C-alpha atoms as a PDB file:
ATOM      1  CA  MET A   1     -18.325  -2.990  25.271  1.00  0.00           C
ATOM      2  CA  LEU A   2     -20.938  -4.580  22.993  1.00  0.00           C
ATOM      3  CA  ASP A   3     -23.531  -4.782  25.759  1.00  0.00           C
ATOM      4  CA  ASN A   4     -26.040  -3.485  23.210  1.00  0.00           C
ATOM      5  CA  LEU A   5     -24.992  -5.801  20.367  1.00  0.00           C
ATOM      6  CA  SER A   6     -28.170  -6.810  18.561  1.00  0.00           C
ATOM      7  CA  GLY A   7     -29.859  -6.813  15.194  1.00  0.00           C
ATOM      8  CA  ALA A   8     -30.063  -3.027  15.465  1.00  0.00           C
ATOM      9  CA  THR A   9     -26.275  -2.657  15.691  1.00  0.00           C
ATOM     10  CA  ARG A  10     -24.786  -0.692  12.777  1.00  0.00           C
ATOM     11  CA  VAL A  11     -21.855  -2.417  11.107  1.00  0.00           C
ATOM     12  CA  HIS A  12     -18.576  -0.923   9.899  1.00  0.00           C
ATOM     13  CA  LEU A  13     -15.931  -3.097   8.270  1.00  0.00           C
ATOM     14  CA  ILE A  14     -12.173  -2.789   7.949  1.00  0.00           C
ATOM     15  CA  VAL A  15     -10.777  -4.499   4.864  1.00  0.00           C
ATOM     16  CA  GLY A  16      -7.193  -5.495   4.132  1.00  0.00           C
ATOM     17  CA  ASP A  17      -4.817  -8.242   3.044  1.00  0.00           C
ATOM     18  CA  PRO A  18      -3.431  -9.180   5.560  1.00  0.00           C
ATOM     19  CA  ILE A  19      -5.734  -7.979   8.331  1.00  0.00           C
ATOM     20  CA  ALA A  20      -4.549  -9.649  11.566  1.00  0.00           C
ATOM     21  CA  GLN A  21      -2.163  -6.783  12.398  1.00  0.00           C
ATOM     22  CA  VAL A  22      -4.737  -3.976  12.458  1.00  0.00           C
ATOM     23  CA  LYS A  23      -5.809  -2.328  15.706  1.00  0.00           C
ATOM     24  CA  SER A  24      -8.893  -0.528  14.383  1.00  0.00           C
ATOM     25  CA  PRO A  25     -11.716  -2.986  15.234  1.00  0.00           C
ATOM     26  CA  TYR A  26     -11.311  -2.616  18.986  1.00  0.00           C
ATOM     27  CA  GLY A  27     -10.369   1.046  19.042  1.00  0.00           C
ATOM     28  CA  VAL A  28     -13.040   2.197  16.609  1.00  0.00           C
ATOM     29  CA  THR A  29     -15.740   0.150  18.364  1.00  0.00           C
ATOM     30  CA  GLN A  30     -14.660   1.764  21.642  1.00  0.00           C
ATOM     31  CA  ALA A  31     -14.973   5.190  20.042  1.00  0.00           C
ATOM     32  CA  PHE A  32     -18.459   4.382  18.729  1.00  0.00           C
ATOM     33  CA  GLU A  33     -19.520   3.313  22.203  1.00  0.00           C
ATOM     34  CA  ALA A  34     -18.060   6.472  23.761  1.00  0.00           C
ATOM     35  CA  SER A  35     -20.129   8.494  21.283  1.00  0.00           C
ATOM     36  CA  GLY A  36     -23.277   6.685  22.315  1.00  0.00           C
ATOM     37  CA  ARG A  37     -23.648   4.801  19.027  1.00  0.00           C
ATOM     38  CA  ASN A  38     -24.814   1.187  18.785  1.00  0.00           C
ATOM     39  CA  ALA A  39     -22.149   0.302  16.206  1.00  0.00           C
ATOM     40  CA  ILE A  40     -19.286  -2.134  15.733  1.00  0.00           C
ATOM     41  CA  CYS A  41     -16.152  -2.381  13.588  1.00  0.00           C
ATOM     42  CA  VAL A  42     -15.388  -5.849  12.174  1.00  0.00           C
ATOM     43  CA  PRO A  43     -12.281  -7.014  10.237  1.00  0.00           C
ATOM     44  CA  ALA A  44     -12.513  -8.531   6.749  1.00  0.00           C
ATOM     45  CA  HIS A  45      -9.589 -10.332   5.092  1.00  0.00           C
ATOM     46  CA  VAL A  46     -10.071  -9.870   1.341  1.00  0.00           C
ATOM     47  CA  ALA A  47      -7.551 -10.525  -1.438  1.00  0.00           C
ATOM     48  CA  PRO A  48      -7.161  -7.874  -4.170  1.00  0.00           C
ATOM     49  CA  ALA A  49      -8.675 -10.158  -6.813  1.00  0.00           C
ATOM     50  CA  ASP A  50     -11.839 -10.481  -4.726  1.00  0.00           C
ATOM     51  CA  LEU A  51     -12.197  -6.867  -3.615  1.00  0.00           C
ATOM     52  CA  ALA A  52     -14.732  -5.647  -6.187  1.00  0.00           C
ATOM     53  CA  GLN A  53     -16.998  -8.658  -5.672  1.00  0.00           C
ATOM     54  CA  TRP A  54     -16.748  -8.368  -1.889  1.00  0.00           C
ATOM     55  CA  PHE A  55     -17.477  -4.654  -2.022  1.00  0.00           C
ATOM     56  CA  ALA A  56     -20.529  -5.175  -4.212  1.00  0.00           C
ATOM     57  CA  GLY A  57     -21.800  -7.754  -1.740  1.00  0.00           C
ATOM     58  CA  ILE A  58     -21.396  -5.679   1.423  1.00  0.00           C
ATOM     59  CA  SER A  59     -22.977  -2.699  -0.339  1.00  0.00           C
ATOM     60  CA  LEU A  60     -26.232  -4.682  -0.460  1.00  0.00           C
ATOM     61  CA  ALA A  61     -26.339  -4.960   3.338  1.00  0.00           C
ATOM     62  CA  ARG A  62     -28.450  -2.052   4.563  1.00  0.00           C
ATOM     63  CA  ASN A  63     -26.931  -2.121   8.043  1.00  0.00           C
ATOM     64  CA  VAL A  64     -23.360  -1.603   6.762  1.00  0.00           C
ATOM     65  CA  ASP A  65     -22.667   2.113   7.192  1.00  0.00           C
ATOM     66  CA  GLY A  66     -18.922   2.384   6.717  1.00  0.00           C
ATOM     67  CA  VAL A  67     -15.707   0.782   5.515  1.00  0.00           C
ATOM     68  CA  ILE A  68     -12.180   1.423   6.766  1.00  0.00           C
ATOM     69  CA  VAL A  69      -9.516   0.521   4.224  1.00  0.00           C
ATOM     70  CA  THR A  70      -5.979  -0.701   4.826  1.00  0.00           C
ATOM     71  CA  VAL A  71      -3.151  -2.254   2.767  1.00  0.00           C
ATOM     72  CA  PRO A  72      -3.331  -2.913  -0.168  1.00  0.00           C
ATOM     73  CA  HIS A  73      -6.799  -1.633  -1.081  1.00  0.00           C
ATOM     74  CA  LYS A  74      -6.621   2.146  -0.677  1.00  0.00           C
ATOM     75  CA  PHE A  75      -6.261   2.956  -4.373  1.00  0.00           C
ATOM     76  CA  ASP A  76      -8.754   0.354  -5.566  1.00  0.00           C
ATOM     77  CA  CYS A  77     -11.400   1.433  -3.052  1.00  0.00           C
ATOM     78  CA  HIS A  78     -11.180   5.014  -4.303  1.00  0.00           C
ATOM     79  CA  ALA A  79     -12.287   3.754  -7.698  1.00  0.00           C
ATOM     80  CA  LEU A  80     -15.322   2.132  -6.037  1.00  0.00           C
ATOM     81  CA  CYS A  81     -16.501   5.422  -4.488  1.00  0.00           C
ATOM     82  CA  ALA A  82     -19.207   7.492  -6.157  1.00  0.00           C
ATOM     83  CA  THR A  83     -17.837  10.638  -4.498  1.00  0.00           C
ATOM     84  CA  SER A  84     -14.745  11.586  -2.514  1.00  0.00           C
ATOM     85  CA  SER A  85     -13.140  14.510  -0.725  1.00  0.00           C
ATOM     86  CA  PRO A  86     -10.782  16.807  -2.664  1.00  0.00           C
ATOM     87  CA  ARG A  87      -7.879  15.297  -0.684  1.00  0.00           C
ATOM     88  CA  ALA A  88      -8.828  11.740  -1.655  1.00  0.00           C
ATOM     89  CA  ALA A  89      -9.436  12.776  -5.258  1.00  0.00           C
ATOM     90  CA  PHE A  90      -5.957  14.341  -5.441  1.00  0.00           C
ATOM     91  CA  LEU A  91      -4.369  11.179  -4.075  1.00  0.00           C
ATOM     92  CA  GLY A  92      -6.646   8.687  -5.844  1.00  0.00           C
ATOM     93  CA  ALA A  93      -6.802   6.798  -2.546  1.00  0.00           C
ATOM     94  CA  VAL A  94      -9.114   6.467   0.461  1.00  0.00           C
ATOM     95  CA  ASN A  95      -8.908   4.945   3.915  1.00  0.00           C
ATOM     96  CA  THR A  96     -12.487   5.557   5.103  1.00  0.00           C
ATOM     97  CA  LEU A  97     -15.863   5.306   3.338  1.00  0.00           C
ATOM     98  CA  ARG A  98     -19.363   6.213   4.477  1.00  0.00           C
ATOM     99  CA  ARG A  99     -22.723   6.054   2.762  1.00  0.00           C
ATOM    100  CA  ASN A 100     -24.187   8.874   0.706  1.00  0.00           C
ATOM    101  CA  ALA A 101     -27.934   9.491   1.030  1.00  0.00           C
ATOM    102  CA  ASP A 102     -28.590   7.305  -2.028  1.00  0.00           C
ATOM    103  CA  GLY A 103     -26.623   4.368  -0.571  1.00  0.00           C
ATOM    104  CA  SER A 104     -23.513   4.932  -2.698  1.00  0.00           C
ATOM    105  CA  TRP A 105     -20.117   5.498  -1.099  1.00  0.00           C
ATOM    106  CA  HIS A 106     -18.191   8.663  -0.223  1.00  0.00           C
ATOM    107  CA  GLY A 107     -14.487   8.348   0.615  1.00  0.00           C
ATOM    108  CA  ASP A 108     -11.806  10.357   2.377  1.00  0.00           C
ATOM    109  CA  MET A 109      -8.157   9.802   3.302  1.00  0.00           C
ATOM    110  CA  PHE A 110      -6.884  10.564   6.815  1.00  0.00           C
ATOM    111  CA  ASP A 111      -3.541   8.722   6.939  1.00  0.00           C
ATOM    112  CA  GLY A 112      -1.493  11.770   6.010  1.00  0.00           C
ATOM    113  CA  LEU A 113      -3.176  14.300   8.264  1.00  0.00           C
ATOM    114  CA  GLY A 114      -3.138  11.779  11.119  1.00  0.00           C
ATOM    115  CA  TYR A 115       0.542  10.974  10.757  1.00  0.00           C
ATOM    116  CA  VAL A 116       1.662  14.580  10.442  1.00  0.00           C
ATOM    117  CA  THR A 117      -0.393  15.452  13.532  1.00  0.00           C
ATOM    118  CA  ALA A 118       1.265  12.560  15.371  1.00  0.00           C
ATOM    119  CA  MET A 119       4.727  13.778  14.347  1.00  0.00           C
ATOM    120  CA  GLN A 120       3.982  17.289  15.527  1.00  0.00           C
ATOM    121  CA  ALA A 121       2.645  15.935  18.826  1.00  0.00           C
ATOM    122  CA  ARG A 122       6.045  14.261  19.286  1.00  0.00           C
ATOM    123  CA  GLY A 123       7.779  17.598  18.835  1.00  0.00           C
ATOM    124  CA  CYS A 124       8.659  17.422  15.146  1.00  0.00           C
ATOM    125  CA  ASP A 125       8.937  20.870  13.557  1.00  0.00           C
ATOM    126  CA  LEU A 126       8.211  20.462   9.849  1.00  0.00           C
ATOM    127  CA  SER A 127       8.575  24.051   8.658  1.00  0.00           C
ATOM    128  CA  GLY A 128      11.256  24.331   5.988  1.00  0.00           C
ATOM    129  CA  LYS A 129      12.727  20.912   6.788  1.00  0.00           C
ATOM    130  CA  LYS A 130      14.180  18.324   4.403  1.00  0.00           C
ATOM    131  CA  ALA A 131      12.188  15.092   4.571  1.00  0.00           C
ATOM    132  CA  LEU A 132      12.624  11.601   3.134  1.00  0.00           C
ATOM    133  CA  LEU A 133       9.599   9.371   2.674  1.00  0.00           C
ATOM    134  CA  VAL A 134      10.048   5.673   1.914  1.00  0.00           C
ATOM    135  CA  GLY A 135       6.893   4.317   0.295  1.00  0.00           C
ATOM    136  CA  ALA A 136       4.429   5.893  -2.147  1.00  0.00           C
ATOM    137  CA  GLY A 137       1.482   3.568  -1.557  1.00  0.00           C
ATOM    138  CA  GLY A 138      -1.845   4.639  -0.119  1.00  0.00           C
ATOM    139  CA  ALA A 139      -0.542   5.747   3.284  1.00  0.00           C
ATOM    140  CA  GLY A 140       2.734   7.026   1.840  1.00  0.00           C
ATOM    141  CA  SER A 141       1.002   9.167  -0.779  1.00  0.00           C
ATOM    142  CA  ALA A 142      -1.227  10.684   1.884  1.00  0.00           C
ATOM    143  CA  ILE A 143       1.713  11.380   4.203  1.00  0.00           C
ATOM    144  CA  ALA A 144       3.662  12.979   1.340  1.00  0.00           C
ATOM    145  CA  HIS A 145       0.714  15.246   0.560  1.00  0.00           C
ATOM    146  CA  SER A 146       0.307  16.257   4.201  1.00  0.00           C
ATOM    147  CA  LEU A 147       4.051  16.881   4.660  1.00  0.00           C
ATOM    148  CA  VAL A 148       3.973  19.280   1.723  1.00  0.00           C
ATOM    149  CA  LEU A 149       0.852  21.029   3.030  1.00  0.00           C
ATOM    150  CA  ALA A 150       2.445  21.246   6.495  1.00  0.00           C
ATOM    151  CA  GLY A 151       5.362  23.258   5.141  1.00  0.00           C
ATOM    152  CA  VAL A 152       8.395  21.045   4.548  1.00  0.00           C
ATOM    153  CA  GLY A 153      10.901  22.757   2.285  1.00  0.00           C
ATOM    154  CA  GLU A 154      12.011  19.638   0.429  1.00  0.00           C
ATOM    155  CA  LEU A 155      10.603  16.141   0.136  1.00  0.00           C
ATOM    156  CA  ALA A 156      12.348  13.141  -1.433  1.00  0.00           C
ATOM    157  CA  ILE A 157      10.287  10.020  -2.134  1.00  0.00           C
ATOM    158  CA  HIS A 158      11.697   6.515  -2.487  1.00  0.00           C
ATOM    159  CA  ASP A 159       9.579   3.684  -3.898  1.00  0.00           C
ATOM    160  CA  GLU A 160      10.515   0.774  -6.140  1.00  0.00           C
ATOM    161  CA  ASN A 161       7.282   1.288  -8.094  1.00  0.00           C
ATOM    162  CA  THR A 162       8.708   4.019 -10.314  1.00  0.00           C
ATOM    163  CA  VAL A 163       5.449   4.770 -12.130  1.00  0.00           C
ATOM    164  CA  ARG A 164       3.564   5.346  -8.885  1.00  0.00           C
ATOM    165  CA  ARG A 165       6.456   7.314  -7.395  1.00  0.00           C
ATOM    166  CA  GLU A 166       6.937   9.644 -10.362  1.00  0.00           C
ATOM    167  CA  SER A 167       3.196  10.253 -10.693  1.00  0.00           C
ATOM    168  CA  LEU A 168       3.028  11.303  -7.050  1.00  0.00           C
ATOM    169  CA  ILE A 169       6.086  13.541  -7.358  1.00  0.00           C
ATOM    170  CA  ALA A 170       4.610  15.307 -10.401  1.00  0.00           C
ATOM    171  CA  ARG A 171       1.264  15.908  -8.679  1.00  0.00           C
ATOM    172  CA  LEU A 172       2.915  17.231  -5.519  1.00  0.00           C
ATOM    173  CA  ASN A 173       5.192  19.562  -7.495  1.00  0.00           C
ATOM    174  CA  SER A 174       2.122  20.920  -9.280  1.00  0.00           C
ATOM    175  CA  LEU A 175       1.035  22.410  -5.941  1.00  0.00           C
ATOM    176  CA  GLY A 176       4.058  24.715  -5.958  1.00  0.00           C
ATOM    177  CA  LEU A 177       4.560  24.381  -2.206  1.00  0.00           C
ATOM    178  CA  ALA A 178       7.792  22.385  -1.830  1.00  0.00           C
ATOM    179  CA  ARG A 179      10.509  20.893  -3.981  1.00  0.00           C
ATOM    180  CA  VAL A 180       9.641  17.193  -4.397  1.00  0.00           C
ATOM    181  CA  SER A 181      12.120  14.773  -5.950  1.00  0.00           C
ATOM    182  CA  THR A 182      13.170  11.127  -6.187  1.00  0.00           C
ATOM    183  CA  GLY A 183      14.950   9.810  -3.097  1.00  0.00           C
ATOM    184  CA  SER A 184      16.774   6.667  -2.058  1.00  0.00           C
ATOM    185  CA  ALA A 185      16.843   4.397   0.979  1.00  0.00           C
ATOM    186  CA  SER A 186      19.508   6.581   2.606  1.00  0.00           C
ATOM    187  CA  PRO A 187      18.357   9.265   5.062  1.00  0.00           C
ATOM    188  CA  ALA A 188      21.760  10.995   4.955  1.00  0.00           C
ATOM    189  CA  GLY A 189      21.343  14.763   4.839  1.00  0.00           C
ATOM    190  CA  PHE A 190      17.677  14.798   5.834  1.00  0.00           C
ATOM    191  CA  ASP A 191      16.065  16.263   8.928  1.00  0.00           C
ATOM    192  CA  ILE A 192      13.150  13.815   8.833  1.00  0.00           C
ATOM    193  CA  ALA A 193      12.798  10.263   7.492  1.00  0.00           C
ATOM    194  CA  VAL A 194       9.576   8.235   7.518  1.00  0.00           C
ATOM    195  CA  ASN A 195       8.930   4.615   6.572  1.00  0.00           C
ATOM    196  CA  ALA A 196       5.462   4.325   5.020  1.00  0.00           C
ATOM    197  CA  THR A 197       5.876   0.737   3.797  1.00  0.00           C
ATOM    198  CA  PRO A 198       4.946  -2.590   5.468  1.00  0.00           C
ATOM    199  CA  VAL A 199       8.648  -3.490   5.612  1.00  0.00           C
ATOM    200  CA  GLY A 200       9.328  -4.269   9.254  1.00  0.00           C
ATOM    201  CA  MET A 201       6.123  -6.134  10.080  1.00  0.00           C
ATOM    202  CA  GLN A 202       7.896  -9.487   9.856  1.00  0.00           C
ATOM    203  CA  ALA A 203      10.990 -10.426  11.860  1.00  0.00           C
ATOM    204  CA  THR A 204      12.711 -11.532   8.664  1.00  0.00           C
ATOM    205  CA  ASP A 205      12.148  -8.216   6.855  1.00  0.00           C
ATOM    206  CA  PRO A 206      15.120  -6.066   5.874  1.00  0.00           C
ATOM    207  CA  LEU A 207      15.304  -2.534   7.229  1.00  0.00           C
ATOM    208  CA  PRO A 208      13.361  -0.076   5.018  1.00  0.00           C
ATOM    209  CA  MET A 209      16.197   2.472   5.071  1.00  0.00           C
ATOM    210  CA  ASP A 210      19.926   2.639   5.805  1.00  0.00           C
ATOM    211  CA  VAL A 211      20.062   3.019   9.589  1.00  0.00           C
ATOM    212  CA  ASP A 212      23.825   3.539   9.487  1.00  0.00           C
ATOM    213  CA  ALA A 213      23.112   6.958   7.961  1.00  0.00           C
ATOM    214  CA  ILE A 214      20.798   7.978  10.809  1.00  0.00           C
ATOM    215  CA  THR A 215      22.117  10.648  13.185  1.00  0.00           C
ATOM    216  CA  ALA A 216      20.787  11.841  16.532  1.00  0.00           C
ATOM    217  CA  ASP A 217      19.442  15.140  15.171  1.00  0.00           C
ATOM    218  CA  MET A 218      17.003  13.371  12.802  1.00  0.00           C
ATOM    219  CA  PHE A 219      13.325  12.693  13.427  1.00  0.00           C
ATOM    220  CA  ILE A 220      12.462   9.125  12.380  1.00  0.00           C
ATOM    221  CA  GLY A 221       8.940   7.800  11.802  1.00  0.00           C
ATOM    222  CA  CYS A 222       7.331   4.481  10.916  1.00  0.00           C
ATOM    223  CA  VAL A 223       3.670   3.688  10.116  1.00  0.00           C
ATOM    224  CA  ILE A 224       3.714   0.040  11.231  1.00  0.00           C
ATOM    225  CA  THR A 225       1.538  -0.741  14.275  1.00  0.00           C
ATOM    226  CA  ALA A 226       2.658  -4.335  14.913  1.00  0.00           C
ATOM    227  CA  PRO A 227       5.285  -4.736  16.211  1.00  0.00           C
ATOM    228  CA  ALA A 228       4.752  -1.569  18.246  1.00  0.00           C
ATOM    229  CA  ILE A 229       8.474  -0.790  18.104  1.00  0.00           C
ATOM    230  CA  THR A 230       9.851  -1.777  14.728  1.00  0.00           C
ATOM    231  CA  PRO A 231      13.567  -2.477  14.174  1.00  0.00           C
ATOM    232  CA  LEU A 232      13.789   0.924  12.421  1.00  0.00           C
ATOM    233  CA  ILE A 233      12.355   2.779  15.418  1.00  0.00           C
ATOM    234  CA  ALA A 234      14.530   0.775  17.826  1.00  0.00           C
ATOM    235  CA  ALA A 235      17.644   1.602  15.795  1.00  0.00           C
ATOM    236  CA  ALA A 236      16.715   5.289  15.605  1.00  0.00           C
ATOM    237  CA  ARG A 237      16.110   5.514  19.356  1.00  0.00           C
ATOM    238  CA  ALA A 238      19.431   3.786  20.006  1.00  0.00           C
ATOM    239  CA  ARG A 239      21.052   6.632  18.074  1.00  0.00           C
ATOM    240  CA  GLY A 240      19.251   9.248  20.164  1.00  0.00           C
ATOM    241  CA  CYS A 241      16.551  10.212  17.665  1.00  0.00           C
ATOM    242  CA  ASN A 242      13.099  11.526  18.420  1.00  0.00           C
ATOM    243  CA  THR A 243      10.562   9.175  16.817  1.00  0.00           C
ATOM    244  CA  SER A 244       6.917   8.628  15.926  1.00  0.00           C
ATOM    245  CA  THR A 245       5.381   5.156  15.693  1.00  0.00           C
ATOM    246  CA  GLY A 246       2.450   3.563  13.925  1.00  0.00           C
ATOM    247  CA  ALA A 247       0.556   3.561  17.225  1.00  0.00           C
ATOM    248  CA  ASP A 248       0.996   7.341  17.424  1.00  0.00           C
ATOM    249  CA  MET A 249      -0.431   7.610  13.920  1.00  0.00           C
ATOM    250  CA  PHE A 250      -3.315   5.251  14.659  1.00  0.00           C
ATOM    251  CA  ALA A 251      -4.445   7.276  17.667  1.00  0.00           C
ATOM    252  CA  GLN A 252      -4.730  10.403  15.522  1.00  0.00           C
ATOM    253  CA  VAL A 253      -6.203   8.695  12.457  1.00  0.00           C
ATOM    254  CA  ARG A 254      -8.812   6.874  14.537  1.00  0.00           C
ATOM    255  CA  GLU A 255     -10.247  10.140  15.807  1.00  0.00           C
ATOM    256  CA  LEU A 256     -10.488  11.514  12.266  1.00  0.00           C
ATOM    257  CA  MET A 257     -12.067   8.326  10.900  1.00  0.00           C
ATOM    258  CA  VAL A 258     -14.663   8.057  13.659  1.00  0.00           C
ATOM    259  CA  GLU A 259     -15.622  11.720  13.276  1.00  0.00           C
ATOM    260  CA  PHE A 260     -16.094  11.132   9.542  1.00  0.00           C
ATOM    261  CA  LEU A 261     -18.095   7.901   9.997  1.00  0.00           C
ATOM    262  CA  LEU A 262     -20.418   9.441  12.567  1.00  0.00           C
ATOM    263  CA  ALA A 263     -21.043  12.671  10.644  1.00  0.00           C
END
């Protein structure tokens, strides 16, 4: 890898706060190389207060072709795009940006489609099921949208940010595809429960949902990539549940992001 690294190498950045936990730089650079592109993905640790200034700066670099976006910048980066996909516009969030012909930015959001694909690859049947989603941030909003489009019958969303949560619920109900309502941290009575928050990245974190209410017939998911097996996933597996991890999601999302960046 990087045998061709030179001044001609095209640069893609991944921005977040924090950034040390992300797996994308290596995996995306590998995918570029496999596609025969002289391109690299580089991490950037940028605080929310500095995002707009940082973004304006990197936009001046003519060899920067793309930006991958992680926590907590997915909503703010949507506002910095000149254009976006219908999916990203519905969510008001992006996780991948590429240049338009005029040098401005076009954004899309692949977290939801990637995670739902990962769940299905693990044998999760979504049709008509009752699902609980914990977290209505950038990734959570996208996963909620994709769960509804994939055919769940009911979706409950739990997030302490009530304004963000209720806005998402209203928009999803406007689609007329599933009954979407306010949930809690208890997965009792659900077929599927997914953690779409960063809770579980640190050893001192509480559990994002009540694991005592988890039963073996549930499908449990978590978006966190580090640690690879979060305490939630470990607890669910101990109870006999089928699960999907952040690594499963990343593998699917990476393919979608790279396809978009190389289009």
